[in-house]
């Protein structure tokens, strides 16, 4: 196997990453043919399995992180301008998009996960890639998202028709963004949701 340089190999991956992001953001219906996917997989396999002094693992891991972080930054710029249900729809969609990008890119880098990541006690690729959404997007917008979903629940309690699928998606995002921990859901949503429900019915009782 002829070694390839980091610049040469990453150029191939960057073209694929750009296409994947364009697909996630609605610009492409079908981003890759089977042949294109195989080329990306072969390219990344070569980059991850070259022997010293051509081992590129030390360069690949931070580059992977940079891609995932940049996508989260794009997401934050998009959702910051939104309010109410528009904000909830966008946050849920961008969370799904972050998951899709991470799953897609990390699937080509399984060797990196098994060896370099373990040896250096680093976060696994999927967790590392999703953490950026939690730390950059969710942390910045969780209060606005929580308030928006609480308003939806209040409207439902008042008898209005609301989007139950959206409420369910938001709750799922609060759960999933904890990456195995329920802290984000319990501290940022559940406790306040219960308080709001108690307050709502107390007002009803006081009005009788």
N, C-alpha and C. Protein backbone atom coordinates (compact mmCIF):
# COMPACT_ATOMS: atom_id res chain seq x y z
N UNK A 1 0.84 -1.20 0.00
CA UNK A 1 0.00 0.00 0.00
C UNK A 1 0.88 1.24 0.00
N UNK A 2 0.68 2.12 -0.97
CA UNK A 2 1.47 3.35 -1.06
C UNK A 2 0.95 4.35 -0.04
N UNK A 3 1.83 4.86 0.84
CA UNK A 3 1.39 5.84 1.84
C UNK A 3 0.87 7.10 1.18
N UNK A 4 -0.11 7.72 1.81
CA UNK A 4 -0.59 9.01 1.32
C UNK A 4 -0.35 10.04 2.42
N UNK A 5 -0.16 11.27 2.01
CA UNK A 5 0.08 12.35 2.96
C UNK A 5 -1.24 12.77 3.59
N UNK A 6 -1.15 13.46 4.70
CA UNK A 6 -2.36 13.94 5.35
C UNK A 6 -3.10 14.92 4.44
N UNK A 7 -2.38 15.82 3.82
CA UNK A 7 -3.00 16.83 2.96
C UNK A 7 -3.75 16.17 1.81
N UNK A 8 -3.12 15.16 1.20
CA UNK A 8 -3.75 14.46 0.07
C UNK A 8 -5.00 13.73 0.51
N UNK A 9 -4.89 12.98 1.60
CA UNK A 9 -6.03 12.20 2.07
C UNK A 9 -7.15 13.06 2.60
N UNK A 10 -6.82 14.12 3.32
CA UNK A 10 -7.88 14.95 3.90
C UNK A 10 -8.61 15.75 2.83
N UNK A 11 -7.93 16.09 1.75
CA UNK A 11 -8.60 16.80 0.66
C UNK A 11 -9.77 15.97 0.12
N UNK A 12 -9.55 14.68 -0.01
CA UNK A 12 -10.62 13.78 -0.47
C UNK A 12 -11.77 13.79 0.54
N UNK A 13 -11.43 13.69 1.83
CA UNK A 13 -12.45 13.68 2.87
C UNK A 13 -13.20 15.01 2.95
N UNK A 14 -12.49 16.11 2.75
CA UNK A 14 -13.14 17.42 2.86
C UNK A 14 -14.20 17.60 1.79
N UNK A 15 -13.91 17.11 0.58
CA UNK A 15 -14.92 17.17 -0.48
C UNK A 15 -16.17 16.39 -0.07
N UNK A 16 -15.96 15.21 0.50
CA UNK A 16 -17.07 14.40 0.97
C UNK A 16 -17.82 15.07 2.12
N UNK A 17 -17.10 15.65 3.06
CA UNK A 17 -17.72 16.34 4.19
C UNK A 17 -18.57 17.51 3.72
N UNK A 18 -18.05 18.27 2.78
CA UNK A 18 -18.81 19.41 2.25
C UNK A 18 -20.11 18.94 1.60
N UNK A 19 -20.05 17.83 0.89
CA UNK A 19 -21.25 17.29 0.25
C UNK A 19 -22.24 16.80 1.30
N UNK A 20 -21.74 16.16 2.35
CA UNK A 20 -22.62 15.67 3.39
C UNK A 20 -23.32 16.83 4.11
N UNK A 21 -22.60 17.89 4.40
CA UNK A 21 -23.19 19.05 5.06
C UNK A 21 -24.23 19.70 4.16
N UNK A 22 -23.93 19.79 2.89
CA UNK A 22 -24.89 20.35 1.95
C UNK A 22 -26.16 19.50 1.90
N UNK A 23 -25.99 18.19 1.95
CA UNK A 23 -27.14 17.28 1.98
C UNK A 23 -27.97 17.50 3.25
N UNK A 24 -27.31 17.59 4.40
CA UNK A 24 -28.02 17.78 5.65
C UNK A 24 -28.76 19.11 5.69
N UNK A 25 -28.22 20.09 5.04
CA UNK A 25 -28.83 21.42 5.05
C UNK A 25 -29.79 21.63 3.89
N UNK A 26 -30.13 20.53 3.21
CA UNK A 26 -31.19 20.58 2.20
C UNK A 26 -30.76 20.86 0.78
N UNK A 27 -29.46 20.84 0.53
CA UNK A 27 -29.00 21.19 -0.81
C UNK A 27 -28.83 20.02 -1.76
N UNK A 28 -28.80 18.79 -1.23
CA UNK A 28 -28.61 17.60 -2.06
C UNK A 28 -29.54 16.50 -1.57
N UNK A 29 -30.27 15.88 -2.47
CA UNK A 29 -31.14 14.77 -2.09
C UNK A 29 -30.34 13.51 -1.82
N UNK A 30 -29.41 13.18 -2.73
CA UNK A 30 -28.61 11.96 -2.59
C UNK A 30 -27.14 12.35 -2.73
N UNK A 31 -26.44 12.50 -1.61
CA UNK A 31 -25.09 13.05 -1.67
C UNK A 31 -24.05 12.14 -2.31
N UNK A 32 -24.19 10.81 -2.15
CA UNK A 32 -23.12 9.92 -2.57
C UNK A 32 -23.63 8.70 -3.32
N UNK A 33 -22.90 8.34 -4.36
CA UNK A 33 -23.12 7.05 -5.00
C UNK A 33 -22.36 5.99 -4.20
N UNK A 34 -22.62 4.73 -4.47
CA UNK A 34 -21.87 3.66 -3.80
C UNK A 34 -20.38 3.77 -4.09
N UNK A 35 -20.06 4.15 -5.32
CA UNK A 35 -18.65 4.28 -5.70
C UNK A 35 -17.97 5.39 -4.92
N UNK A 36 -18.67 6.50 -4.73
CA UNK A 36 -18.09 7.62 -3.98
C UNK A 36 -17.91 7.26 -2.50
N UNK A 37 -18.89 6.55 -1.94
CA UNK A 37 -18.78 6.11 -0.55
C UNK A 37 -17.60 5.17 -0.38
N UNK A 38 -17.42 4.26 -1.32
CA UNK A 38 -16.30 3.32 -1.25
C UNK A 38 -14.97 4.05 -1.34
N UNK A 39 -14.90 5.06 -2.17
CA UNK A 39 -13.65 5.82 -2.29
C UNK A 39 -13.34 6.53 -0.98
N UNK A 40 -14.34 7.12 -0.35
CA UNK A 40 -14.12 7.78 0.94
C UNK A 40 -13.68 6.78 2.00
N UNK A 41 -14.33 5.62 2.02
CA UNK A 41 -14.00 4.60 3.01
C UNK A 41 -12.59 4.09 2.81
N UNK A 42 -12.21 3.83 1.57
CA UNK A 42 -10.87 3.34 1.26
C UNK A 42 -9.81 4.37 1.62
N UNK A 43 -10.10 5.63 1.30
CA UNK A 43 -9.18 6.72 1.60
C UNK A 43 -8.94 6.84 3.11
N UNK A 44 -10.03 6.82 3.88
CA UNK A 44 -9.89 6.96 5.33
C UNK A 44 -9.25 5.72 5.95
N UNK A 45 -9.57 4.55 5.43
CA UNK A 45 -8.94 3.32 5.94
C UNK A 45 -7.42 3.40 5.76
N UNK A 46 -7.00 3.87 4.60
CA UNK A 46 -5.57 4.01 4.34
C UNK A 46 -4.94 5.00 5.32
N UNK A 47 -5.60 6.13 5.53
CA UNK A 47 -5.06 7.14 6.43
C UNK A 47 -4.95 6.63 7.87
N UNK A 48 -5.92 5.80 8.28
CA UNK A 48 -5.95 5.33 9.67
C UNK A 48 -5.06 4.11 9.92
N UNK A 49 -4.58 3.48 8.85
CA UNK A 49 -3.86 2.22 9.03
C UNK A 49 -2.44 2.24 8.51
N UNK A 50 -1.90 3.40 8.23
CA UNK A 50 -0.52 3.49 7.77
C UNK A 50 0.44 3.31 8.95
N UNK A 51 1.55 2.67 8.68
CA UNK A 51 2.55 2.42 9.70
C UNK A 51 3.47 3.64 9.87
N UNK A 52 4.07 3.73 11.03
CA UNK A 52 5.04 4.81 11.28
C UNK A 52 6.14 4.72 10.22
N UNK A 53 6.61 5.84 9.73
CA UNK A 53 6.35 7.21 10.18
C UNK A 53 5.17 7.87 9.46
N UNK A 54 4.33 7.09 8.81
CA UNK A 54 3.23 7.65 8.04
C UNK A 54 1.90 7.58 8.79
N UNK A 55 1.91 7.23 10.06
CA UNK A 55 0.69 7.15 10.86
C UNK A 55 0.10 8.56 11.02
N UNK A 56 -1.16 8.70 10.61
CA UNK A 56 -1.80 10.02 10.61
C UNK A 56 -2.80 10.20 11.74
N UNK A 57 -2.88 9.25 12.65
CA UNK A 57 -3.90 9.29 13.70
C UNK A 57 -3.84 10.57 14.52
N UNK A 58 -2.64 11.02 14.83
CA UNK A 58 -2.47 12.20 15.67
C UNK A 58 -3.04 13.45 15.00
N UNK A 59 -3.07 13.44 13.68
CA UNK A 59 -3.63 14.57 12.93
C UNK A 59 -5.12 14.39 12.68
N UNK A 60 -5.56 13.15 12.54
CA UNK A 60 -6.95 12.89 12.18
C UNK A 60 -7.93 13.19 13.30
N UNK A 61 -7.57 12.85 14.53
CA UNK A 61 -8.50 13.06 15.64
C UNK A 61 -8.86 14.54 15.83
N UNK A 62 -7.88 15.45 15.92
CA UNK A 62 -8.26 16.86 16.05
C UNK A 62 -8.97 17.41 14.83
N UNK A 63 -8.66 16.87 13.65
CA UNK A 63 -9.35 17.33 12.45
C UNK A 63 -10.82 16.92 12.48
N UNK A 64 -11.07 15.72 12.95
CA UNK A 64 -12.45 15.25 13.13
C UNK A 64 -13.18 16.16 14.10
N UNK A 65 -12.55 16.48 15.22
CA UNK A 65 -13.17 17.37 16.21
C UNK A 65 -13.48 18.73 15.60
N UNK A 66 -12.58 19.24 14.78
CA UNK A 66 -12.76 20.56 14.17
C UNK A 66 -13.99 20.57 13.25
N UNK A 67 -14.20 19.50 12.51
CA UNK A 67 -15.36 19.41 11.62
C UNK A 67 -16.66 19.43 12.43
N UNK A 68 -16.69 18.63 13.49
CA UNK A 68 -17.90 18.54 14.32
C UNK A 68 -18.17 19.85 15.04
N UNK A 69 -17.10 20.50 15.50
CA UNK A 69 -17.26 21.79 16.19
C UNK A 69 -17.77 22.85 15.23
N UNK A 70 -17.22 22.89 14.03
CA UNK A 70 -17.63 23.89 13.05
C UNK A 70 -19.10 23.73 12.68
N UNK A 71 -19.56 22.49 12.59
CA UNK A 71 -20.97 22.26 12.27
C UNK A 71 -21.86 22.75 13.41
N UNK A 72 -21.43 22.53 14.65
CA UNK A 72 -22.20 23.01 15.80
C UNK A 72 -22.24 24.54 15.82
N UNK A 73 -21.14 25.18 15.45
CA UNK A 73 -21.11 26.64 15.39
C UNK A 73 -22.09 27.15 14.33
N UNK A 74 -22.16 26.46 13.20
CA UNK A 74 -23.13 26.81 12.17
C UNK A 74 -24.55 26.68 12.71
N UNK A 75 -24.78 25.64 13.47
CA UNK A 75 -26.11 25.42 14.05
C UNK A 75 -26.48 26.54 15.01
N UNK A 76 -25.54 26.93 15.86
CA UNK A 76 -25.80 28.00 16.81
C UNK A 76 -26.15 29.30 16.10
N UNK A 77 -25.42 29.62 15.05
CA UNK A 77 -25.71 30.85 14.29
C UNK A 77 -27.12 30.81 13.70
N UNK A 78 -27.56 29.64 13.31
CA UNK A 78 -28.89 29.49 12.72
C UNK A 78 -29.99 29.64 13.77
N UNK A 79 -29.86 28.97 14.91
CA UNK A 79 -30.96 28.95 15.88
C UNK A 79 -31.03 30.22 16.73
N UNK A 80 -29.92 30.94 16.85
CA UNK A 80 -29.92 32.14 17.69
C UNK A 80 -30.92 33.19 17.23
N UNK A 81 -31.21 33.20 15.95
CA UNK A 81 -32.11 34.22 15.41
C UNK A 81 -33.58 33.82 15.51
N UNK A 82 -33.87 32.64 16.07
CA UNK A 82 -35.23 32.12 16.06
C UNK A 82 -35.86 32.17 17.45
N UNK A 83 -37.20 32.11 17.46
CA UNK A 83 -37.94 32.11 18.70
C UNK A 83 -39.07 31.10 18.63
N UNK A 84 -39.63 30.80 19.79
CA UNK A 84 -40.84 30.00 19.92
C UNK A 84 -40.73 28.66 19.19
N UNK A 85 -41.78 28.28 18.46
CA UNK A 85 -41.78 26.98 17.80
C UNK A 85 -40.73 26.88 16.71
N UNK A 86 -40.43 27.99 16.05
CA UNK A 86 -39.38 27.97 15.03
C UNK A 86 -38.04 27.56 15.64
N UNK A 87 -37.78 28.06 16.84
CA UNK A 87 -36.55 27.70 17.54
C UNK A 87 -36.54 26.21 17.88
N UNK A 88 -37.66 25.69 18.36
CA UNK A 88 -37.74 24.28 18.74
C UNK A 88 -37.54 23.38 17.54
N UNK A 89 -38.22 23.71 16.44
CA UNK A 89 -38.06 22.91 15.21
C UNK A 89 -36.60 22.90 14.78
N UNK A 90 -35.98 24.08 14.76
CA UNK A 90 -34.61 24.19 14.27
C UNK A 90 -33.63 23.46 15.19
N UNK A 91 -33.79 23.59 16.50
CA UNK A 91 -32.87 22.91 17.41
C UNK A 91 -32.98 21.39 17.29
N UNK A 92 -34.20 20.89 17.19
CA UNK A 92 -34.38 19.44 17.04
C UNK A 92 -33.76 18.95 15.73
N UNK A 93 -33.96 19.73 14.66
CA UNK A 93 -33.41 19.32 13.36
C UNK A 93 -31.90 19.37 13.35
N UNK A 94 -31.32 20.41 13.94
CA UNK A 94 -29.86 20.52 13.94
C UNK A 94 -29.23 19.48 14.85
N UNK A 95 -29.92 19.08 15.91
CA UNK A 95 -29.43 17.98 16.75
C UNK A 95 -29.40 16.70 15.94
N UNK A 96 -30.46 16.44 15.18
CA UNK A 96 -30.48 15.25 14.33
C UNK A 96 -29.37 15.32 13.28
N UNK A 97 -29.15 16.51 12.74
CA UNK A 97 -28.11 16.69 11.73
C UNK A 97 -26.72 16.45 12.33
N UNK A 98 -26.50 16.94 13.54
CA UNK A 98 -25.21 16.71 14.20
C UNK A 98 -25.00 15.21 14.41
N UNK A 99 -26.05 14.50 14.83
CA UNK A 99 -25.97 13.06 15.01
C UNK A 99 -25.64 12.36 13.69
N UNK A 100 -26.28 12.81 12.61
CA UNK A 100 -26.05 12.18 11.30
C UNK A 100 -24.63 12.41 10.81
N UNK A 101 -24.13 13.65 10.97
CA UNK A 101 -22.77 13.95 10.53
C UNK A 101 -21.75 13.14 11.32
N UNK A 102 -21.95 13.09 12.64
CA UNK A 102 -21.02 12.35 13.50
C UNK A 102 -21.04 10.86 13.17
N UNK A 103 -22.21 10.30 13.00
CA UNK A 103 -22.33 8.88 12.68
C UNK A 103 -21.68 8.58 11.34
N UNK A 104 -21.92 9.43 10.37
CA UNK A 104 -21.37 9.22 9.02
C UNK A 104 -19.85 9.30 9.02
N UNK A 105 -19.30 10.37 9.61
CA UNK A 105 -17.86 10.57 9.56
C UNK A 105 -17.11 9.56 10.43
N UNK A 106 -17.64 9.29 11.63
CA UNK A 106 -16.96 8.35 12.52
C UNK A 106 -17.00 6.92 11.99
N UNK A 107 -17.99 6.62 11.12
CA UNK A 107 -18.06 5.26 10.56
C UNK A 107 -16.85 4.93 9.69
N UNK A 108 -16.21 5.95 9.15
CA UNK A 108 -15.02 5.75 8.33
C UNK A 108 -13.75 5.63 9.18
N UNK A 109 -13.88 5.95 10.47
CA UNK A 109 -12.69 6.08 11.32
C UNK A 109 -12.70 5.09 12.48
N UNK A 110 -13.28 3.92 12.28
CA UNK A 110 -13.41 2.94 13.36
C UNK A 110 -12.05 2.49 13.90
N UNK A 111 -11.07 2.39 13.01
CA UNK A 111 -9.73 2.00 13.45
C UNK A 111 -9.15 3.03 14.42
N UNK A 112 -9.38 4.29 14.13
CA UNK A 112 -8.93 5.37 15.02
C UNK A 112 -9.57 5.22 16.40
N UNK A 113 -10.85 4.87 16.41
CA UNK A 113 -11.57 4.69 17.68
C UNK A 113 -11.00 3.52 18.49
N UNK A 114 -10.67 2.45 17.80
CA UNK A 114 -10.23 1.23 18.49
C UNK A 114 -8.80 1.33 19.02
N UNK A 115 -7.97 2.11 18.38
CA UNK A 115 -6.55 2.14 18.75
C UNK A 115 -6.11 3.49 19.33
N UNK A 116 -6.09 4.52 18.50
CA UNK A 116 -5.56 5.81 18.94
C UNK A 116 -6.37 6.37 20.11
N UNK A 117 -7.69 6.35 20.00
CA UNK A 117 -8.55 6.92 21.04
C UNK A 117 -8.38 6.17 22.36
N UNK A 118 -8.38 4.85 22.29
CA UNK A 118 -8.22 4.04 23.50
C UNK A 118 -6.84 4.25 24.12
N UNK A 119 -5.82 4.23 23.28
CA UNK A 119 -4.43 4.35 23.78
C UNK A 119 -4.20 5.67 24.49
N UNK A 120 -4.84 6.74 23.99
CA UNK A 120 -4.62 8.06 24.56
C UNK A 120 -5.74 8.48 25.52
N UNK A 121 -6.64 7.55 25.84
CA UNK A 121 -7.72 7.81 26.81
C UNK A 121 -8.55 9.04 26.41
N UNK A 122 -8.90 9.11 25.13
CA UNK A 122 -9.69 10.22 24.60
C UNK A 122 -11.16 9.84 24.54
N UNK A 123 -12.01 10.83 24.38
CA UNK A 123 -13.43 10.55 24.18
C UNK A 123 -13.62 9.79 22.88
N UNK A 124 -14.47 8.77 22.87
CA UNK A 124 -14.79 8.09 21.61
C UNK A 124 -15.31 9.10 20.59
N UNK A 125 -15.12 8.79 19.33
CA UNK A 125 -15.45 9.74 18.27
C UNK A 125 -16.89 10.23 18.34
N UNK A 126 -17.85 9.33 18.53
CA UNK A 126 -19.25 9.76 18.52
C UNK A 126 -19.55 10.69 19.68
N UNK A 127 -19.09 10.34 20.88
CA UNK A 127 -19.33 11.20 22.04
C UNK A 127 -18.66 12.56 21.86
N UNK A 128 -17.44 12.53 21.36
CA UNK A 128 -16.69 13.78 21.17
C UNK A 128 -17.39 14.69 20.16
N UNK A 129 -17.89 14.09 19.09
CA UNK A 129 -18.55 14.88 18.06
C UNK A 129 -19.87 15.47 18.51
N UNK A 130 -20.61 14.74 19.35
CA UNK A 130 -21.91 15.21 19.83
C UNK A 130 -21.77 16.21 20.97
N UNK A 131 -20.66 16.13 21.70
CA UNK A 131 -20.44 17.04 22.82
C UNK A 131 -20.45 18.50 22.37
N UNK A 132 -20.01 18.76 21.16
CA UNK A 132 -19.98 20.15 20.67
C UNK A 132 -21.38 20.74 20.59
N UNK A 133 -22.35 19.95 20.18
CA UNK A 133 -23.71 20.47 20.13
C UNK A 133 -24.19 20.80 21.54
N UNK A 134 -23.92 19.89 22.48
CA UNK A 134 -24.34 20.14 23.86
C UNK A 134 -23.68 21.39 24.44
N UNK A 135 -22.37 21.52 24.23
CA UNK A 135 -21.62 22.60 24.86
C UNK A 135 -21.79 23.94 24.16
N UNK A 136 -22.03 23.93 22.86
CA UNK A 136 -22.12 25.18 22.11
C UNK A 136 -23.56 25.60 21.83
N UNK A 137 -24.38 24.69 21.38
CA UNK A 137 -25.75 25.03 20.96
C UNK A 137 -26.72 24.89 22.13
N UNK A 138 -26.76 23.70 22.70
CA UNK A 138 -27.71 23.44 23.78
C UNK A 138 -27.46 24.36 24.97
N UNK A 139 -26.22 24.50 25.38
CA UNK A 139 -25.92 25.33 26.55
C UNK A 139 -26.33 26.79 26.34
N UNK A 140 -26.18 27.27 25.11
CA UNK A 140 -26.51 28.66 24.81
C UNK A 140 -28.02 28.89 24.68
N UNK A 141 -28.76 27.86 24.25
CA UNK A 141 -30.16 28.05 23.90
C UNK A 141 -31.14 27.25 24.76
N UNK A 142 -30.65 26.56 25.78
CA UNK A 142 -31.54 25.67 26.54
C UNK A 142 -32.64 26.43 27.28
N UNK A 143 -32.34 27.61 27.77
CA UNK A 143 -33.36 28.38 28.49
C UNK A 143 -34.47 28.81 27.54
N UNK A 144 -34.09 29.32 26.36
CA UNK A 144 -35.09 29.73 25.39
C UNK A 144 -35.91 28.53 24.91
N UNK A 145 -35.25 27.40 24.70
CA UNK A 145 -35.95 26.20 24.27
C UNK A 145 -36.90 25.70 25.36
N UNK A 146 -36.42 25.71 26.58
CA UNK A 146 -37.27 25.28 27.70
C UNK A 146 -38.50 26.16 27.83
N UNK A 147 -38.30 27.47 27.78
CA UNK A 147 -39.43 28.40 27.91
C UNK A 147 -40.43 28.21 26.77
N UNK A 148 -39.92 27.96 25.57
CA UNK A 148 -40.81 27.77 24.42
C UNK A 148 -41.65 26.51 24.55
N UNK A 149 -41.05 25.43 25.02
CA UNK A 149 -41.81 24.18 25.16
C UNK A 149 -42.77 24.27 26.33
N UNK A 150 -42.41 24.99 27.38
CA UNK A 150 -43.34 25.19 28.50
C UNK A 150 -44.56 26.00 28.07
N UNK A 151 -44.34 26.97 27.18
CA UNK A 151 -45.48 27.74 26.65
C UNK A 151 -46.40 26.85 25.83
N UNK A 152 -45.81 25.93 25.07
CA UNK A 152 -46.62 24.98 24.32
C UNK A 152 -47.47 24.12 25.24
N UNK A 153 -46.86 23.63 26.30
CA UNK A 153 -47.57 22.78 27.25
C UNK A 153 -48.68 23.57 27.94
N UNK A 154 -48.41 24.82 28.27
CA UNK A 154 -49.42 25.67 28.90
C UNK A 154 -50.60 25.89 27.95
N UNK A 155 -50.30 26.12 26.69
CA UNK A 155 -51.38 26.31 25.71
C UNK A 155 -52.23 25.05 25.59
N UNK A 156 -51.57 23.89 25.64
CA UNK A 156 -52.31 22.64 25.58
C UNK A 156 -53.22 22.51 26.81
N UNK A 157 -52.72 22.88 27.96
CA UNK A 157 -53.53 22.80 29.18
C UNK A 157 -54.74 23.73 29.12
N UNK A 158 -54.61 24.79 28.35
CA UNK A 158 -55.71 25.73 28.18
C UNK A 158 -56.71 25.28 27.11
N UNK A 159 -56.42 24.13 26.51
CA UNK A 159 -57.35 23.57 25.54
C UNK A 159 -57.01 23.81 24.09
N UNK A 160 -55.87 24.44 23.80
CA UNK A 160 -55.48 24.69 22.42
C UNK A 160 -54.90 23.42 21.78
N UNK A 161 -55.04 23.35 20.47
CA UNK A 161 -54.38 22.28 19.72
C UNK A 161 -52.91 22.67 19.52
N UNK A 162 -52.01 21.81 19.94
CA UNK A 162 -50.58 22.08 19.79
C UNK A 162 -49.92 20.89 19.10
N UNK A 163 -48.68 21.12 18.70
CA UNK A 163 -47.92 20.09 17.98
C UNK A 163 -47.29 19.12 18.98
N UNK A 164 -47.97 18.00 19.22
CA UNK A 164 -47.46 17.03 20.19
C UNK A 164 -46.17 16.37 19.72
N UNK A 165 -46.03 16.19 18.42
CA UNK A 165 -44.81 15.60 17.88
C UNK A 165 -43.61 16.49 18.19
N UNK A 166 -43.80 17.80 18.09
CA UNK A 166 -42.72 18.74 18.39
C UNK A 166 -42.35 18.67 19.87
N UNK A 167 -43.34 18.62 20.74
CA UNK A 167 -43.06 18.52 22.18
C UNK A 167 -42.27 17.25 22.47
N UNK A 168 -42.69 16.15 21.87
CA UNK A 168 -41.99 14.88 22.07
C UNK A 168 -40.55 14.95 21.57
N UNK A 169 -40.35 15.60 20.43
CA UNK A 169 -39.00 15.73 19.86
C UNK A 169 -38.10 16.57 20.77
N UNK A 170 -38.66 17.62 21.34
CA UNK A 170 -37.87 18.49 22.23
C UNK A 170 -37.47 17.73 23.49
N UNK A 171 -38.43 17.01 24.07
CA UNK A 171 -38.13 16.21 25.26
C UNK A 171 -37.03 15.19 24.95
N UNK A 172 -37.13 14.55 23.79
CA UNK A 172 -36.12 13.57 23.39
C UNK A 172 -34.75 14.22 23.25
N UNK A 173 -34.71 15.44 22.69
CA UNK A 173 -33.44 16.14 22.55
C UNK A 173 -32.83 16.43 23.92
N UNK A 174 -33.64 16.88 24.87
CA UNK A 174 -33.13 17.16 26.21
C UNK A 174 -32.56 15.90 26.85
N UNK A 175 -33.18 14.76 26.57
CA UNK A 175 -32.70 13.49 27.11
C UNK A 175 -31.40 13.06 26.41
N UNK A 176 -31.43 13.07 25.07
CA UNK A 176 -30.31 12.54 24.29
C UNK A 176 -29.04 13.38 24.41
N UNK A 177 -29.21 14.69 24.54
CA UNK A 177 -28.04 15.57 24.56
C UNK A 177 -27.19 15.36 25.80
N UNK A 178 -27.74 14.66 26.80
CA UNK A 178 -26.96 14.32 27.98
C UNK A 178 -25.95 13.22 27.74
N UNK A 179 -26.03 12.56 26.59
CA UNK A 179 -25.07 11.52 26.20
C UNK A 179 -24.93 10.43 27.27
N UNK A 180 -26.08 9.92 27.70
CA UNK A 180 -26.07 8.85 28.69
C UNK A 180 -26.42 9.29 30.09
N UNK A 181 -26.35 10.58 30.33
CA UNK A 181 -26.74 11.14 31.63
C UNK A 181 -28.11 11.82 31.48
N UNK A 182 -28.94 11.73 32.51
CA UNK A 182 -30.25 12.37 32.48
C UNK A 182 -30.22 13.77 33.07
N UNK A 183 -29.03 14.29 33.40
CA UNK A 183 -28.94 15.58 34.08
C UNK A 183 -29.54 16.72 33.26
N UNK A 184 -29.26 16.75 31.98
CA UNK A 184 -29.78 17.85 31.14
C UNK A 184 -31.31 17.86 31.17
N UNK A 185 -31.90 16.69 31.06
CA UNK A 185 -33.35 16.59 31.06
C UNK A 185 -33.93 16.95 32.43
N UNK A 186 -33.41 16.33 33.48
CA UNK A 186 -34.01 16.53 34.80
C UNK A 186 -33.79 17.96 35.31
N UNK A 187 -32.59 18.50 35.14
CA UNK A 187 -32.28 19.81 35.69
C UNK A 187 -32.78 20.96 34.81
N UNK A 188 -32.73 20.78 33.50
CA UNK A 188 -33.04 21.88 32.59
C UNK A 188 -34.48 21.88 32.10
N UNK A 189 -35.19 20.76 32.26
CA UNK A 189 -36.55 20.71 31.75
C UNK A 189 -37.55 20.09 32.73
N UNK A 190 -37.30 18.87 33.18
CA UNK A 190 -38.30 18.14 33.94
C UNK A 190 -38.72 18.88 35.21
N UNK A 191 -37.75 19.35 35.99
CA UNK A 191 -38.09 19.99 37.26
C UNK A 191 -38.95 21.23 37.03
N UNK A 192 -38.57 22.04 36.04
CA UNK A 192 -39.34 23.26 35.76
C UNK A 192 -40.69 22.94 35.13
N UNK A 193 -40.75 21.85 34.36
CA UNK A 193 -42.01 21.43 33.77
C UNK A 193 -43.00 21.03 34.86
N UNK A 194 -42.51 20.31 35.85
CA UNK A 194 -43.36 19.90 36.98
C UNK A 194 -43.80 21.11 37.79
N UNK A 195 -42.87 22.04 38.02
CA UNK A 195 -43.22 23.25 38.76
C UNK A 195 -44.29 24.05 38.03
N UNK A 196 -44.14 24.16 36.72
CA UNK A 196 -45.11 24.93 35.93
C UNK A 196 -46.48 24.27 35.95
N UNK A 197 -46.51 22.94 35.93
CA UNK A 197 -47.79 22.22 35.97
C UNK A 197 -48.47 22.42 37.32
N UNK A 198 -47.70 22.33 38.40
CA UNK A 198 -48.26 22.55 39.73
C UNK A 198 -48.79 23.97 39.86
N UNK A 199 -48.02 24.93 39.37
CA UNK A 199 -48.43 26.33 39.44
C UNK A 199 -49.70 26.57 38.64
N UNK A 200 -49.79 25.95 37.47
CA UNK A 200 -50.97 26.11 36.62
C UNK A 200 -52.22 25.63 37.34
N UNK A 201 -52.16 24.43 37.91
CA UNK A 201 -53.34 23.88 38.56
C UNK A 201 -53.63 24.58 39.89
N UNK A 202 -52.62 25.14 40.54
CA UNK A 202 -52.87 25.91 41.76
C UNK A 202 -53.66 27.17 41.43
N UNK A 203 -53.30 27.79 40.29
CA UNK A 203 -54.05 28.97 39.86
C UNK A 203 -55.50 28.60 39.55
N UNK A 204 -55.69 27.42 38.96
CA UNK A 204 -57.04 26.96 38.65
C UNK A 204 -57.84 26.79 39.93
N UNK A 205 -57.21 26.18 40.92
CA UNK A 205 -57.88 25.93 42.21
C UNK A 205 -58.21 27.27 42.87
N UNK A 206 -57.27 28.21 42.84
CA UNK A 206 -57.49 29.51 43.47
C UNK A 206 -58.63 30.26 42.80
N UNK A 207 -58.85 29.97 41.52
CA UNK A 207 -59.90 30.67 40.79
C UNK A 207 -61.29 30.08 40.97
N UNK A 208 -61.38 28.91 41.59
CA UNK A 208 -62.68 28.27 41.76
C UNK A 208 -63.43 28.88 42.95
